[in-house]
N, C-alpha and C. Protein backbone atom coordinates (compact mmCIF):
# COMPACT_ATOMS: atom_id res chain seq x y z
N UNK A 1 110.24 283.47 -34.84
CA UNK A 1 110.85 284.20 -33.59
C UNK A 1 110.66 283.52 -32.45
N UNK A 2 111.41 283.34 -31.63
CA UNK A 2 111.45 282.95 -30.31
C UNK A 2 110.63 283.73 -29.30
N UNK A 3 109.95 282.98 -28.64
CA UNK A 3 108.94 283.68 -27.32
C UNK A 3 109.82 283.86 -26.59
N UNK A 4 110.21 285.11 -25.63
CA UNK A 4 110.89 285.08 -24.58
C UNK A 4 110.22 284.65 -23.41
N UNK A 5 110.89 284.22 -22.39
CA UNK A 5 110.44 283.80 -21.33
C UNK A 5 110.06 285.24 -19.98
N UNK A 6 109.14 285.15 -19.51
CA UNK A 6 109.18 286.53 -18.37
C UNK A 6 109.19 285.79 -17.15
N UNK A 7 109.64 286.52 -16.55
CA UNK A 7 110.15 286.00 -14.93
C UNK A 7 109.35 287.00 -14.17
N UNK A 8 108.56 286.70 -12.94
CA UNK A 8 107.83 287.72 -12.01
C UNK A 8 108.34 287.04 -10.54
N UNK A 9 108.29 288.38 -10.08
CA UNK A 9 109.37 288.16 -8.92
C UNK A 9 108.14 289.00 -7.73
N UNK A 10 107.77 288.53 -6.74
CA UNK A 10 107.45 289.03 -5.65
C UNK A 10 107.92 289.14 -4.26
N UNK A 11 107.70 290.43 -4.01
CA UNK A 11 108.21 290.57 -2.41
C UNK A 11 107.50 289.65 -1.49
N UNK A 12 108.03 288.65 -0.56
CA UNK A 12 107.16 287.88 0.31
C UNK A 12 107.87 288.06 2.10
N UNK A 13 106.85 288.38 2.62
CA UNK A 13 107.35 288.76 4.33
C UNK A 13 107.05 287.17 4.95
N UNK A 14 108.33 286.93 5.58
CA UNK A 14 108.42 285.54 6.10
C UNK A 14 108.10 285.77 7.57
N UNK A 15 107.65 284.61 8.32
CA UNK A 15 107.10 284.92 9.29
C UNK A 15 108.05 285.26 10.75
N UNK A 16 109.59 285.44 10.26
CA UNK A 16 110.30 285.81 11.32
C UNK A 16 110.18 287.35 11.18
N UNK A 17 109.33 288.09 9.77
CA UNK A 17 109.34 289.53 9.73
C UNK A 17 110.49 289.97 8.52
N UNK A 18 111.12 288.96 8.13
CA UNK A 18 112.35 289.21 7.15
C UNK A 18 111.50 289.35 5.95
N UNK A 19 111.77 290.39 4.82
CA UNK A 19 111.60 290.02 3.29
C UNK A 19 112.43 290.00 2.64
N UNK A 20 112.03 288.99 1.47
CA UNK A 20 112.96 288.62 0.79
C UNK A 20 111.94 288.21 -1.05
N UNK A 21 112.78 288.76 -1.76
CA UNK A 21 112.38 288.77 -2.96
C UNK A 21 112.42 287.35 -3.42
N UNK A 22 111.15 286.73 -4.55
CA UNK A 22 111.34 284.91 -4.61
C UNK A 22 110.71 285.22 -6.36
N UNK A 23 111.05 284.45 -7.02
CA UNK A 23 110.54 284.23 -8.42
C UNK A 23 109.47 283.33 -8.22
N UNK A 24 108.42 283.78 -8.83
CA UNK A 24 107.03 282.68 -9.31
C UNK A 24 107.28 281.68 -9.72
N UNK A 25 106.58 280.54 -9.43
CA UNK A 25 106.33 279.03 -9.95
C UNK A 25 106.03 279.26 -11.45
N UNK A 26 106.06 278.57 -12.23
CA UNK A 26 105.85 278.71 -13.76
C UNK A 26 104.34 278.55 -13.71
N UNK A 27 104.02 277.73 -12.99
CA UNK A 27 102.59 277.41 -13.19
C UNK A 27 101.42 278.84 -12.67
N UNK A 28 101.42 279.12 -11.66
CA UNK A 28 101.24 280.65 -11.09
C UNK A 28 101.63 281.55 -12.17
N UNK A 29 102.77 281.61 -12.64
CA UNK A 29 103.21 282.76 -13.53
C UNK A 29 102.29 282.57 -14.76
N UNK A 30 102.22 281.39 -15.20
CA UNK A 30 101.10 281.28 -16.49
C UNK A 30 99.85 281.81 -16.42
N UNK A 31 99.19 281.68 -15.06
CA UNK A 31 98.19 281.85 -14.47
C UNK A 31 97.83 283.71 -14.58
N UNK A 32 98.96 284.42 -14.10
CA UNK A 32 98.73 285.41 -14.09
C UNK A 32 98.88 286.18 -15.41
N UNK A 33 99.85 285.70 -16.26
CA UNK A 33 100.14 286.28 -17.71
C UNK A 33 98.86 286.12 -18.39
N UNK A 34 98.03 285.02 -18.13
CA UNK A 34 96.82 284.70 -19.03
C UNK A 34 96.00 285.54 -18.35
N UNK A 35 95.59 286.15 -17.32
CA UNK A 35 94.58 287.09 -16.77
C UNK A 35 95.37 288.48 -17.32
N UNK A 36 96.26 288.54 -17.61
CA UNK A 36 96.96 289.76 -18.53
C UNK A 36 96.64 289.97 -19.55
N UNK A 37 97.02 289.07 -20.30
CA UNK A 37 96.97 289.07 -21.61
C UNK A 37 95.46 288.71 -22.12
N UNK A 38 94.82 287.93 -21.71
CA UNK A 38 93.38 287.40 -22.34
C UNK A 38 92.16 288.09 -21.94
N UNK A 39 92.12 288.18 -20.10
CA UNK A 39 91.17 288.66 -19.70
C UNK A 39 91.25 290.20 -19.40
N UNK A 40 92.41 290.90 -20.06
CA UNK A 40 92.95 292.36 -20.06
C UNK A 40 92.48 292.93 -18.55
N UNK A 41 92.88 292.50 -17.44
CA UNK A 41 92.80 292.89 -16.46
C UNK A 41 93.92 293.92 -16.36
N UNK A 42 93.52 294.93 -16.08
CA UNK A 42 94.65 296.07 -15.75
C UNK A 42 95.42 295.86 -14.33
N UNK A 43 94.60 295.32 -13.49
CA UNK A 43 95.19 295.05 -12.12
C UNK A 43 95.46 294.16 -11.92
N UNK A 44 96.20 293.02 -12.62
CA UNK A 44 96.51 291.78 -12.56
C UNK A 44 98.06 291.81 -11.58
N UNK A 45 98.42 292.90 -11.66
CA UNK A 45 99.74 292.62 -10.43
C UNK A 45 99.03 292.54 -9.16
N UNK A 46 98.24 293.51 -8.81
CA UNK A 46 97.89 293.36 -7.20
C UNK A 46 96.80 292.09 -7.11
N UNK A 47 96.44 291.21 -7.94
CA UNK A 47 95.93 289.92 -7.53
C UNK A 47 96.74 289.32 -6.29
N UNK A 48 97.92 288.96 -6.53
CA UNK A 48 98.79 288.50 -5.35
C UNK A 48 99.01 288.83 -4.08
N UNK A 49 98.79 290.32 -3.61
CA UNK A 49 98.69 290.95 -2.72
C UNK A 49 98.06 290.32 -1.09
N UNK A 50 98.72 289.98 -0.74
CA UNK A 50 97.95 289.66 0.73
C UNK A 50 97.75 288.51 0.36
N UNK A 51 98.19 287.19 -0.33
CA UNK A 51 98.12 286.19 -0.47
C UNK A 51 99.32 285.34 0.23
N UNK A 52 99.19 284.51 0.41
CA UNK A 52 100.21 283.46 1.23
C UNK A 52 100.56 282.53 0.34
N UNK A 53 101.72 282.30 0.09
CA UNK A 53 102.63 281.08 -0.51
C UNK A 53 103.68 280.33 -0.21
N UNK A 54 103.82 279.20 0.07
CA UNK A 54 104.98 278.28 -0.14
C UNK A 54 105.89 278.68 -0.42
N UNK A 55 107.29 279.14 0.12
CA UNK A 55 108.62 279.41 -0.69
C UNK A 55 109.71 278.54 0.34
N UNK A 56 110.55 278.09 -0.40
CA UNK A 56 111.74 277.37 -0.51
C UNK A 56 112.91 277.99 0.31
N UNK A 57 113.04 277.87 1.41
CA UNK A 57 114.06 278.38 2.40
C UNK A 57 115.54 277.97 2.15
N UNK A 58 115.53 276.62 1.58
CA UNK A 58 117.23 275.99 0.96
C UNK A 58 116.38 276.11 -0.17
N UNK A 59 118.21 275.38 -0.69
CA UNK A 59 117.88 275.06 -2.16
C UNK A 59 117.31 273.78 -2.12
N UNK A 60 116.75 273.17 -3.46
CA UNK A 60 116.41 271.98 -3.70
C UNK A 60 117.51 270.79 -3.81
N UNK A 61 117.47 269.97 -3.32
CA UNK A 61 118.45 268.55 -3.18
C UNK A 61 117.99 267.82 -3.46
N UNK A 62 117.96 266.59 -4.19
CA UNK A 62 117.14 265.62 -4.77
C UNK A 62 115.48 266.04 -4.56
N UNK A 63 115.28 267.01 -5.32
CA UNK A 63 113.78 267.61 -5.10
C UNK A 63 112.91 267.52 -4.03
N UNK A 64 114.10 268.00 -3.01
CA UNK A 64 113.34 268.48 -1.78
C UNK A 64 114.19 269.90 -0.98
N UNK A 65 113.51 270.34 -0.51
CA UNK A 65 113.78 271.40 0.21
C UNK A 65 112.94 271.68 1.65
N UNK A 66 113.67 272.70 2.51
CA UNK A 66 112.93 273.01 3.57
C UNK A 66 111.99 274.25 2.96
N UNK A 67 110.77 274.51 3.30
CA UNK A 67 109.41 275.50 3.09
C UNK A 67 109.05 276.03 3.69
N UNK A 68 108.70 277.34 3.77
CA UNK A 68 107.60 277.86 4.67
C UNK A 68 107.05 278.63 4.23
N UNK A 69 105.63 279.35 4.69
CA UNK A 69 104.77 279.99 4.37
C UNK A 69 105.15 281.61 4.50
N UNK A 70 104.57 282.00 3.43
CA UNK A 70 105.22 283.68 3.28
C UNK A 70 104.25 284.42 2.74
N UNK A 71 103.85 286.01 3.10
CA UNK A 71 102.89 286.57 2.59
C UNK A 71 103.70 287.65 1.52
N UNK A 72 102.67 287.55 0.56
CA UNK A 72 103.11 288.36 -0.44
C UNK A 72 102.58 290.25 0.09
N UNK A 73 103.55 290.81 -0.43
CA UNK A 73 103.58 292.64 0.34
C UNK A 73 103.37 293.07 -1.26
């Protein structure tokens, strides 16, 4: 049976005050799911709250994008 992909989304507040939903990267997603499944942390969803992430403001073109820092709400 094929393993289903799990996508994690988080609400990020940008420096201009706007809030947007962003899909979490593969590496960060694997780390959070590892904490959930193997460490059996019931509060794995709360680990990112208050953290700062780099998020892309534009689409990637030739592996480049304009990025900014946002705080996870």
